[in-house]
Amino acid sequence: MMTECYAPFDLTMDYYGTKEKPGAHFSFNFLAITELNRTSDAQQWKMVVDKWMSAMTDGRWPNWVVS
């Protein structure tokens, strides 16, 4: 299941659910739009990727919206 939530990061992560109450397989990830811009460097991209990947529930899928 896919969800779309244009909300603060922690609320978007809630859509993944928990091991006890699974939620979406993936949620749209708008961090590349909200936290990065055309002058962002590789280090900033890595921080955004790491932020998402470390917060994502095990067994779920990442997603990257870039435009």
Foldseek 3Di string as FASTA:
>chain_A
DEEEDPDPPVVLQCQCPAPVDGHDLEYEDCCLPVVHDPPDDPVSVVVSVCVVVVSHYPNHDYHYDND
